[in-house]
Structures are given as structure tokens and as C-alpha cells.
Amino acid sequence: MELVRWEDGHFGYMLRWASDPRMTVYVGNGMPWTPDYVAERHEQALRHWETHGFGLHVVVEDGVVIGLAQMLDGDLGEIEIGYWIDPAHWGRGVATQVAAQLRDKALAIADRVVAGTDARNHASGRVLEKAGLTYFTSRTQHGRLQHCYALDRGMSDKGVLRYSAFTTDPAGGNPAGVVLDASDLTDDEMLAIAAKVGYSETAFVLPRAERSFDVRYFSPQAEVPFCGHATIATSVALAERIGDGPLTFHTPAGEITIETSGGTASLTSVPTDSAVADPALVSAALEALGYEEIGDGPVHVGFGGARHLLIPLKDREQLRELDYDFDALRDLMLAHDLTTVHLFWRDADGVVHARDPFPVGGVVEDAATGAAAAAFGGYLRDLEGPQRFVISQGEDMGRPSRLEVDATREDRRVVVTGAAVPIR
């Protein structure tokens, strides 16, 4: 099997396959592939080769063209890859071979290779993982939810572990990078590693004493004082190596105690608090979020190691249709020292459904946010009294997460429990 440069004579293959809905549902802009659109894509492919020296290929096996493979130039030294295999050749591992060849070609000329798959196309995500790419975020493009994967040249020698927190399935939960010994890393090196990993946070561990550690958290753009899902991921990673039991993390937000057992971790937050949010902040946030009305209950700024704006929504549909102004919300959050906006709705069974935009970290949304869960637990305790409940997050990203919250302690600390698993 080989990848052959796209030429004029290959136009007919694209035109023929464009009538197959199994292609058009996942490839391109989601619109029907009319002959005019196919001709436009063909011309774009030829120009890309002339401009960049790489681009669209045909996949050839035993002299027969069986698919398409593409490399596109991107930002910040990235190359985006994609592929489509004729359905007659599905199930034979061809896609994995194509993805691996594209990966190698991309990393030979760029520092980072990225790929996006339609969230409904689970097989494509598995192919990218087999090719060594790792899920790092989700986004909406052309009205469709897309999962994004990436691999950086040389990242394997950085000592970064990858775990997904608040899930038992590597395809769910919120991914976090974990560096178990960051003693020799500078602040700039930690930030650079977090940016390369691309997850919402990477945790950096500095051993202090037996089962006691200094831990710092970096998003791709800045250090944050505390991160719940990275704490869960790091705790499980440590427990797998030194055994289950108690851990103590000394973080910029304060001391965090953790109990680990059987692939799960329960973190006890710093003391929480919450207060009614300034009306001007709420008005500006709702404008950036595109909400004209919200649910019953007060909007608070809550603290559980970091500050979060806590906004009740009117129904599940409003939560599902989240589509916000990234730049406007980021600037507002930076001005008010907010880590996420915690949008929530409670169903009839008392389960809290939540979404957490995180533009200040350079990430559209968190699939699970343990620090926000702690802050939210303190908020509910203040309003309704001590209670335990479950937060279901990440559902609308295709990365379901489960966070168990215990807001019954008298010292205003909140316990957040979840599982974590290695991604690869």
C-alpha cells in the first residue's frame, strides 16, 4: 500500500466516491458533494501541492486506488491529516496504515500532527489512537461535534503520562498529562510541555516526602492554582506505582488530601466559599454565552481551589446547545480571575448535568472539572444544606464523565471522587 500524489487523472475517483453518503457524512463540510464542489476540491488539491509540496494523495494497493489521504498546512508548525477508505476495503487495517504513513510524513516536516474526526465516527478515533495520536479536545465545526487528536515530534521522551479522569473508559472523561518527577524542569519548560500535550491541564509532581508531593498545574497557556481532574489522574497514577492509600498534594491553592483505592481517588478540597456574582459580570457572561435567559437560582462566583462562575440553566436543551464567543468570554474571565464557567441543570433524579467552558486555558470546554465540582458543592451546601450528588459532564462532547460530590463536611471542604485510567 502506498500514498501517491494527487494528479489531474485522479479527479474521477473523487467524483465517483462523492455520491457515496458514507463518505460525505464524515468528510468535507458536511454538505452534499455536488460535481461543482468536487471540482473545487480537486483544484484546491492541485494548488496545495504547488504551494506547499504536499497535500492530497490517493491510496493505492496492488495498483488499485482504494481511498484518499490528505495533509494540510496549519498554524504553529502543525500539519493536519485526514483520510477516507473505500467501504469495500474497510475492516482490513488499511486506515491504520494510512494514518501511520500520514503521521510520519507530517512529523518529517512539522513539529506537530493533528487530526479531527466526526464524534459519531468512533472507528476513526480508534484508528488515530492506534497511529499514536492522542485525544486532546472537542469542538464544533460546520455544526458538527468533532474530536481532535494530536502527536508532537519527540514528545515520547518527555516523561509525560496520559490519563483520563472521572471515567473508567479511556475514550471518556477528561484527559490530563502527568509528569511524576518534575524536579529538573523550569517554569518555562513545564508550560512548554503542557502546550505540547495540549490537554486542558498537565500536572507536574515534585516529590517532598513519603506519600507527600508538591504539585503544580499548567494549561497550554498558563499555570493554574488547582485542577481537580488532573489531581484525580495524578493520584491514580501514583497509586499504581506506590500502592493505594492516602496522598497529600501541596498545591498553589493549598493542601489537598486524597484517598486512593482500586483505580479511584477522592480528593478533599480546600475550604470552599461562594458569593453572589456582580450583576455586570453576569450580564456580560450571558452575552458572551448567547443566553437571553437562564434557570432559577442565583448566579455565584464559587471557590474550591480556583474561582468559577456558577450559572443555572433552564433545561437540558439549553445546556446541550452551548455555542459561545470564545474571545469575549476569555477576556471577561481573565478580567475577573475566573478559571471556568460552570453551567448546570439538575434533572428529576437530582443528577447535575454540567458543561464548563475553559477559554482562559486555550480549551473550548472541559469534559470533567473537579475544581468546579468542589466549588459547586460548596455553593449548593450554602443554598440548600449538606448533601451528596453526582455530576454528569462531558456528555455533549462525546466524553461522558462521572463526578461524585460529597458536600457534608462541617469545615466547608468538599470531597470529589472519580476513577482514572491510562489513555495509552
Protein backbone atom coordinates (compact mmCIF):
# COMPACT_ATOMS: atom_id res chain seq x y z
CA MET A 1 0.00 0.00 0.00
CA GLU A 2 1.35 3.44 -0.91
CA LEU A 3 0.28 7.07 -0.99
CA VAL A 4 0.54 8.68 -4.44
CA ARG A 5 0.48 12.41 -5.15
CA TRP A 6 -2.86 13.76 -6.35
CA GLU A 7 -2.94 14.42 -10.11
CA ASP A 8 -5.48 15.52 -12.74
CA GLY A 9 -6.20 11.91 -13.62
CA HIS A 10 -7.48 11.18 -10.11
CA PHE A 11 -10.47 13.54 -10.34
CA GLY A 12 -12.81 10.73 -11.38
CA TYR A 13 -12.25 8.80 -8.16
CA MET A 14 -13.31 11.73 -6.02
CA LEU A 15 -16.32 12.37 -8.26
CA ARG A 16 -17.42 8.72 -8.03
CA TRP A 17 -16.97 8.44 -4.27
CA ALA A 18 -18.71 11.77 -3.67
CA SER A 19 -22.05 10.13 -4.38
CA ASP A 20 -21.50 7.65 -1.54
CA PRO A 21 -23.18 9.02 1.63
CA ARG A 22 -20.76 7.03 3.76
CA MET A 23 -18.10 9.42 2.53
CA THR A 24 -19.93 12.71 2.61
CA VAL A 25 -21.34 12.25 6.12
CA TYR A 26 -17.86 12.45 7.64
CA VAL A 27 -15.66 14.20 5.05
CA GLY A 28 -15.59 17.83 3.96
CA ASN A 29 -18.05 20.43 5.23
CA GLY A 30 -20.96 18.04 5.79
CA MET A 31 -22.81 19.28 2.69
CA PRO A 32 -23.68 17.16 -0.37
CA TRP A 33 -20.71 16.74 -2.70
CA THR A 34 -22.05 18.22 -5.93
CA PRO A 35 -19.93 17.94 -9.11
CA ASP A 36 -19.07 21.63 -8.78
CA TYR A 37 -17.93 21.16 -5.18
CA VAL A 38 -15.83 18.13 -6.19
CA ALA A 39 -14.22 20.17 -8.96
CA GLU A 40 -13.44 22.91 -6.45
CA ARG A 41 -11.83 20.42 -4.05
CA HIS A 42 -9.82 18.96 -6.94
CA GLU A 43 -8.44 22.36 -7.92
CA GLN A 44 -7.63 23.17 -4.31
CA ALA A 45 -5.70 19.91 -4.01
CA LEU A 46 -3.60 20.67 -7.08
CA ARG A 47 -2.83 24.20 -5.85
CA HIS A 48 -1.88 22.93 -2.39
CA TRP A 49 0.79 20.66 -3.87
CA GLU A 50 2.20 23.53 -5.91
CA THR A 51 2.25 25.89 -2.92
CA HIS A 52 3.37 23.58 -0.09
CA GLY A 53 4.92 20.50 -1.68
CA PHE A 54 2.43 18.15 0.00
CA GLY A 55 -1.32 17.66 0.12
CA LEU A 56 -3.93 15.20 -1.13
CA HIS A 57 -2.91 11.65 -2.10
CA VAL A 58 -4.66 8.61 -3.48
CA VAL A 59 -4.24 5.36 -1.54
CA VAL A 60 -3.04 2.66 -3.94
CA GLU A 61 -2.98 -1.06 -3.18
CA ASP A 62 -1.85 -3.59 -5.80
CA GLY A 63 -2.30 -0.95 -8.48
CA VAL A 64 -5.88 -0.14 -7.41
CA VAL A 65 -6.94 3.23 -5.96
CA ILE A 66 -8.86 2.47 -2.76
CA GLY A 67 -9.01 5.78 -0.91
CA LEU A 68 -7.88 9.32 -0.24
CA ALA A 69 -5.28 10.67 2.20
CA GLN A 70 -4.58 14.32 2.94
CA MET A 71 -2.04 16.57 4.63
CA LEU A 72 -2.90 20.26 5.15
CA ASP A 73 -0.75 23.07 6.47
CA GLY A 74 -1.89 24.51 9.77
CA ASP A 75 -0.87 27.01 12.42
CA LEU A 76 2.15 26.91 14.75
CA GLY A 77 4.10 24.31 12.81
CA GLU A 78 1.17 21.88 12.62
CA ILE A 79 0.06 19.66 9.78
CA GLU A 80 -3.49 18.31 9.76
CA ILE A 81 -4.08 14.83 8.37
CA GLY A 82 -7.23 13.05 7.19
CA TYR A 83 -8.20 10.01 5.14
CA TRP A 84 -11.12 8.16 3.60
CA ILE A 85 -11.06 4.50 2.55
CA ASP A 86 -13.48 2.93 0.07
CA PRO A 87 -16.03 0.92 2.12
CA ALA A 88 -15.16 -2.20 0.13
CA HIS A 89 -11.80 -2.16 1.93
CA TRP A 90 -12.97 -1.40 5.47
CA GLY A 91 -12.03 -3.79 8.29
CA ARG A 92 -8.60 -4.77 6.94
CA GLY A 93 -6.44 -2.30 8.83
CA VAL A 94 -5.84 -0.12 5.76
CA ALA A 95 -6.94 3.05 7.54
CA THR A 96 -4.40 2.49 10.33
CA GLN A 97 -1.63 2.02 7.78
CA VAL A 98 -2.67 5.22 6.02
CA ALA A 99 -2.85 7.20 9.26
CA ALA A 100 0.61 5.97 10.27
CA GLN A 101 2.11 6.94 6.90
CA LEU A 102 0.49 10.38 7.08
CA ARG A 103 1.78 10.78 10.64
CA ASP A 104 5.35 10.03 9.59
CA LYS A 105 5.19 12.32 6.57
CA ALA A 106 3.80 15.15 8.68
CA LEU A 107 6.32 14.81 11.51
CA ALA A 108 9.18 14.76 8.98
CA ILE A 109 8.39 18.39 8.11
CA ALA A 110 6.45 19.76 11.11
CA ASP A 111 6.61 19.66 14.91
CA ARG A 112 3.04 18.51 15.43
CA VAL A 113 0.45 16.43 13.59
CA VAL A 114 -3.25 16.92 14.30
CA ALA A 115 -6.45 15.26 13.11
CA GLY A 116 -10.14 15.73 13.68
CA THR A 117 -12.91 13.15 13.45
CA ASP A 118 -16.67 13.43 13.50
CA ALA A 119 -17.72 12.48 17.04
CA ARG A 120 -20.08 9.86 15.60
CA ASN A 121 -17.22 8.12 13.79
CA HIS A 122 -15.84 6.04 16.66
CA ALA A 123 -13.81 3.79 14.33
CA SER A 124 -11.80 6.74 13.03
CA GLY A 125 -10.89 7.81 16.56
CA ARG A 126 -9.62 4.30 17.31
CA VAL A 127 -7.53 4.37 14.14
CA LEU A 128 -5.86 7.62 15.17
CA GLU A 129 -5.11 6.23 18.62
CA LYS A 130 -3.53 3.15 17.02
CA ALA A 131 -1.38 5.53 14.99
CA GLY A 132 -0.16 7.12 18.22
CA LEU A 133 -2.26 10.28 18.25
CA THR A 134 -3.98 11.25 21.48
CA TYR A 135 -7.34 12.91 22.02
CA PHE A 136 -6.97 16.41 23.49
CA THR A 137 -10.21 18.35 22.98
CA SER A 138 -13.55 18.59 21.16
CA ARG A 139 -15.01 21.42 19.12
CA THR A 140 -17.97 22.23 16.92
CA GLN A 141 -17.17 22.73 13.24
CA HIS A 142 -19.68 23.16 10.41
CA GLY A 143 -22.36 22.49 13.01
CA ARG A 144 -20.95 19.06 13.91
CA LEU A 145 -19.14 17.89 17.04
CA GLN A 146 -15.56 16.94 16.24
CA HIS A 147 -12.96 15.16 18.39
CA CYS A 148 -9.37 16.39 17.97
CA TYR A 149 -6.23 14.26 18.23
CA ALA A 150 -2.54 15.22 18.12
CA LEU A 151 1.02 13.94 18.37
CA ASP A 152 4.17 16.01 18.83
CA ARG A 153 7.56 15.14 17.45
CA GLY A 154 9.79 13.99 20.32
CA MET A 155 7.02 14.10 22.92
CA SER A 156 7.62 10.46 23.88
CA ASP A 157 10.91 11.36 25.60
CA LYS A 158 9.38 14.00 27.88
CA GLY A 159 8.17 11.56 30.53
CA VAL A 160 4.53 12.58 30.13
CA LEU A 161 1.90 10.07 31.20
CA ARG A 162 -1.61 10.46 29.81
CA TYR A 163 -4.65 9.57 31.93
CA SER A 164 -8.35 10.24 31.55
CA ALA A 165 -10.10 11.25 34.77
CA PHE A 166 -13.64 10.73 36.06
CA THR A 167 -14.13 7.70 33.84
CA THR A 168 -13.24 4.02 33.55
CA ASP A 169 -13.11 4.26 29.74
CA PRO A 170 -10.07 5.88 28.05
CA ALA A 171 -12.46 7.25 25.40
CA GLY A 172 -14.42 9.14 28.08
CA GLY A 173 -13.59 11.55 30.85
CA ASN A 174 -11.17 14.47 30.81
CA PRO A 175 -7.58 13.77 29.73
CA ALA A 176 -4.69 15.09 31.78
CA GLY A 177 -0.95 14.94 31.34
CA VAL A 178 1.06 13.75 34.36
CA VAL A 179 4.79 14.23 34.92
CA LEU A 180 5.69 12.22 38.01
CA ASP A 181 9.07 13.86 38.64
CA ALA A 182 9.39 17.47 37.51
CA SER A 183 12.29 18.29 39.82
CA ASP A 184 14.58 19.34 36.97
CA LEU A 185 12.02 21.35 34.99
CA THR A 186 11.80 25.14 34.94
CA ASP A 187 8.51 27.02 34.84
CA ASP A 188 9.01 27.74 31.13
CA GLU A 189 9.70 24.07 30.42
CA MET A 190 6.55 22.99 32.29
CA LEU A 191 4.47 25.46 30.29
CA ALA A 192 6.05 24.32 27.03
CA ILE A 193 5.31 20.67 27.83
CA ALA A 194 1.71 21.48 28.76
CA ALA A 195 1.30 23.37 25.49
CA LYS A 196 2.66 20.42 23.51
CA VAL A 197 0.49 17.91 25.33
CA GLY A 198 -2.50 20.14 24.54
CA TYR A 199 -4.81 18.90 27.31
CA SER A 200 -6.68 21.39 29.45
CA GLU A 201 -4.12 20.71 32.21
CA THR A 202 -0.92 18.80 32.84
CA ALA A 203 0.18 18.12 36.43
CA PHE A 204 3.84 18.33 37.45
CA VAL A 205 4.85 16.42 40.58
CA LEU A 206 7.80 17.24 42.82
CA PRO A 207 8.37 14.57 45.50
CA ARG A 208 8.51 16.02 49.02
CA ALA A 209 8.30 13.08 51.47
CA GLU A 210 6.71 9.65 51.64
CA ARG A 211 3.26 9.98 50.01
CA SER A 212 3.53 13.78 50.12
CA PHE A 213 4.17 15.86 46.99
CA ASP A 214 4.30 19.38 45.64
CA VAL A 215 2.05 19.55 42.58
CA ARG A 216 1.71 22.32 40.02
CA TYR A 217 -0.81 22.55 37.18
CA PHE A 218 -0.33 24.12 33.77
CA SER A 219 -2.84 24.67 31.00
CA PRO A 220 -1.49 25.15 27.45
CA GLN A 221 -1.37 28.89 28.14
CA ALA A 222 -0.74 29.48 31.85
CA GLU A 223 -0.26 27.98 35.30
CA VAL A 224 -3.48 27.48 37.26
CA PRO A 225 -3.65 27.19 41.07
CA PHE A 226 -5.56 23.91 41.19
CA CYS A 227 -7.07 21.35 38.84
CA GLY A 228 -9.38 18.61 40.06
CA HIS A 229 -9.31 16.19 37.14
CA ALA A 230 -5.50 16.35 36.90
CA THR A 231 -5.38 15.68 40.66
CA ILE A 232 -7.52 12.56 40.23
CA ALA A 233 -5.37 11.42 37.28
CA THR A 234 -2.11 12.05 39.14
CA SER A 235 -3.35 10.32 42.29
CA VAL A 236 -4.33 7.17 40.40
CA ALA A 237 -1.02 7.19 38.50
CA LEU A 238 0.90 7.46 41.78
CA ALA A 239 -1.22 4.77 43.49
CA GLU A 240 -0.49 2.38 40.62
CA ARG A 241 3.21 2.82 41.37
CA ILE A 242 3.43 3.20 45.17
CA GLY A 243 0.23 1.48 46.28
CA ASP A 244 -3.24 2.59 47.35
CA GLY A 245 -3.72 4.77 50.38
CA PRO A 246 -3.59 8.42 51.43
CA LEU A 247 -1.70 11.12 49.49
CA THR A 248 -1.06 14.77 50.25
CA PHE A 249 -0.63 17.34 47.48
CA HIS A 250 0.79 20.77 48.31
CA THR A 251 -0.61 22.99 45.56
CA PRO A 252 -0.59 26.74 44.90
CA ALA A 253 -4.21 26.74 46.15
CA GLY A 254 -3.38 24.97 49.40
CA GLU A 255 -3.07 21.46 50.81
CA ILE A 256 -5.18 18.76 49.16
CA THR A 257 -5.62 15.33 50.77
CA ILE A 258 -6.53 12.34 48.64
CA GLU A 259 -7.57 8.76 49.32
CA THR A 260 -6.86 6.23 46.56
CA SER A 261 -8.26 2.74 46.08
CA GLY A 262 -8.69 0.43 43.11
CA GLY A 263 -8.24 2.98 40.35
CA THR A 264 -10.32 5.70 42.01
CA ALA A 265 -9.35 8.76 44.01
CA SER A 266 -11.24 11.02 46.41
CA LEU A 267 -9.81 14.49 46.79
CA THR A 268 -10.72 16.77 49.69
CA SER A 269 -10.68 20.36 48.53
CA VAL A 270 -9.51 23.44 50.34
CA PRO A 271 -12.37 25.19 52.20
CA THR A 272 -14.97 26.34 49.70
CA ASP A 273 -16.93 29.56 49.58
CA SER A 274 -19.34 31.29 47.23
CA ALA A 275 -20.91 34.71 46.86
CA VAL A 276 -23.49 36.31 44.60
CA ALA A 277 -21.85 37.38 41.33
CA ASP A 278 -21.74 41.04 40.34
CA PRO A 279 -24.72 41.79 38.01
CA ALA A 280 -22.43 43.42 35.44
CA LEU A 281 -20.30 40.25 35.31
CA VAL A 282 -23.39 38.07 34.90
CA SER A 283 -24.78 40.28 32.12
CA ALA A 284 -21.50 40.24 30.20
CA ALA A 285 -21.12 36.48 30.66
CA LEU A 286 -24.62 35.75 29.38
CA GLU A 287 -23.99 37.94 26.35
CA ALA A 288 -20.77 36.04 25.54
CA LEU A 289 -22.57 32.73 26.10
CA GLY A 290 -25.50 33.77 23.90
CA TYR A 291 -28.12 33.26 26.63
CA GLU A 292 -31.07 35.62 26.94
CA GLU A 293 -32.50 33.80 29.94
CA ILE A 294 -31.29 31.21 32.44
CA GLY A 295 -32.76 28.95 35.09
CA ASP A 296 -33.95 29.70 38.58
CA GLY A 297 -31.42 30.24 41.32
CA PRO A 298 -28.68 32.78 41.96
CA VAL A 299 -25.50 33.10 39.91
CA HIS A 300 -22.48 32.87 42.21
CA VAL A 301 -18.74 33.02 41.98
CA GLY A 302 -17.62 29.88 43.79
CA PHE A 303 -14.19 28.86 45.06
CA GLY A 304 -12.84 25.36 45.58
CA GLY A 305 -9.16 25.92 44.86
CA ALA A 306 -9.93 28.17 41.88
CA ARG A 307 -12.72 30.64 41.07
CA HIS A 308 -15.67 29.57 38.90
CA LEU A 309 -18.77 31.40 37.72
CA LEU A 310 -21.75 29.13 38.57
CA ILE A 311 -24.78 29.62 36.30
CA PRO A 312 -28.04 27.61 36.48
CA LEU A 313 -29.69 26.88 33.13
CA LYS A 314 -33.40 26.45 32.45
CA ASP A 315 -33.34 22.97 30.85
CA ARG A 316 -31.19 20.25 29.38
CA GLU A 317 -31.66 21.56 25.84
CA GLN A 318 -30.18 24.94 26.72
CA LEU A 319 -27.14 23.16 28.11
CA ARG A 320 -26.87 20.94 25.03
CA GLU A 321 -26.92 23.89 22.61
CA LEU A 322 -23.95 25.72 24.14
CA ASP A 323 -22.17 27.81 21.47
CA TYR A 324 -20.27 30.78 22.85
CA ASP A 325 -18.00 33.66 21.83
CA PHE A 326 -14.58 32.25 22.75
CA ASP A 327 -12.63 35.52 22.72
CA ALA A 328 -15.26 37.57 24.54
CA LEU A 329 -15.70 35.00 27.32
CA ARG A 330 -11.96 34.51 27.69
CA ASP A 331 -11.32 38.24 28.08
CA LEU A 332 -14.14 38.56 30.61
CA MET A 333 -12.88 35.61 32.65
CA LEU A 334 -9.32 36.92 32.68
CA ALA A 335 -10.56 40.29 33.93
CA HIS A 336 -12.41 38.59 36.81
CA ASP A 337 -9.86 35.84 37.62
CA LEU A 338 -12.24 33.01 36.66
CA THR A 339 -10.98 29.54 35.75
CA THR A 340 -14.17 28.12 34.19
CA VAL A 341 -17.82 28.97 33.79
CA HIS A 342 -19.80 26.13 35.34
CA LEU A 343 -23.15 25.79 33.55
CA PHE A 344 -25.53 23.34 35.23
CA TRP A 345 -29.02 21.85 35.19
CA ARG A 346 -30.48 19.26 37.59
CA ASP A 347 -32.76 16.51 36.32
CA ALA A 348 -35.71 14.93 38.16
CA ASP A 349 -33.42 12.34 39.78
CA GLY A 350 -31.15 15.03 41.20
CA VAL A 351 -28.25 14.34 38.83
CA VAL A 352 -26.45 17.55 37.91
CA HIS A 353 -25.67 17.90 34.20
CA ALA A 354 -22.84 20.36 33.60
CA ARG A 355 -20.61 21.94 30.98
CA ASP A 356 -17.52 24.04 31.72
CA PRO A 357 -16.16 26.43 29.08
CA PHE A 358 -12.42 26.97 29.67
CA PRO A 359 -11.22 29.56 27.14
CA VAL A 360 -8.66 31.05 29.56
CA GLY A 361 -6.76 27.77 29.27
CA GLY A 362 -6.93 27.79 25.49
CA VAL A 363 -9.51 24.98 25.56
CA VAL A 364 -13.10 25.31 24.39
CA GLU A 365 -14.54 23.06 27.11
CA ASP A 366 -13.58 20.68 29.91
CA ALA A 367 -15.05 17.18 29.83
CA ALA A 368 -14.85 16.99 33.65
CA THR A 369 -13.88 19.75 36.08
CA GLY A 370 -13.11 18.60 39.60
CA ALA A 371 -12.28 22.07 40.94
CA ALA A 372 -15.59 23.42 39.65
CA ALA A 373 -17.36 20.42 41.19
CA ALA A 374 -15.85 21.32 44.57
CA ALA A 375 -16.87 24.96 44.19
CA PHE A 376 -20.35 23.92 43.08
CA GLY A 377 -20.65 21.57 46.07
CA GLY A 378 -19.90 24.49 48.37
CA TYR A 379 -22.48 26.61 46.53
CA LEU A 380 -25.25 24.02 46.93
CA ARG A 381 -24.36 23.49 50.57
CA ASP A 382 -24.63 27.24 51.18
CA LEU A 383 -28.03 27.39 49.48
CA GLU A 384 -29.63 24.07 50.46
CA GLY A 385 -27.60 22.49 53.23
CA PRO A 386 -25.24 19.47 53.32
CA GLN A 387 -25.76 16.91 50.55
CA ARG A 388 -24.22 14.34 48.23
CA PHE A 389 -24.85 14.25 44.50
CA VAL A 390 -23.46 13.19 41.12
CA ILE A 391 -22.34 15.48 38.30
CA SER A 392 -22.63 14.15 34.76
CA GLN A 393 -20.32 16.13 32.49
CA GLY A 394 -18.81 15.70 29.02
CA GLU A 395 -21.92 14.06 27.56
CA ASP A 396 -22.31 16.69 24.84
CA MET A 397 -18.63 16.35 23.92
CA GLY A 398 -18.91 12.59 23.47
CA ARG A 399 -16.62 12.15 26.55
CA PRO A 400 -19.01 11.19 29.38
CA SER A 401 -17.67 11.78 32.88
CA ARG A 402 -18.97 10.99 36.36
CA LEU A 403 -18.03 13.11 39.38
CA GLU A 404 -19.30 12.12 42.85
CA VAL A 405 -19.55 15.10 45.20
CA ASP A 406 -19.84 15.00 49.00
CA ALA A 407 -20.65 18.43 50.43
CA THR A 408 -21.44 17.35 54.00
CA ARG A 409 -18.26 18.24 55.90
CA GLU A 410 -18.55 20.85 58.66
CA ASP A 411 -15.23 22.51 57.72
CA ARG A 412 -16.59 23.61 54.30
CA ARG A 413 -14.25 21.29 52.45
CA VAL A 414 -15.83 19.24 49.66
CA VAL A 415 -14.87 15.69 48.63
CA VAL A 416 -14.85 14.89 44.90
CA THR A 417 -14.43 11.26 43.80
CA GLY A 418 -13.74 9.70 40.42
CA ALA A 419 -11.90 6.98 38.57
CA ALA A 420 -8.99 7.43 36.17
CA VAL A 421 -7.43 5.20 33.51
CA PRO A 422 -4.33 5.39 31.31
CA ILE A 423 -5.07 6.54 27.79
CA ARG A 424 -2.18 4.64 26.26
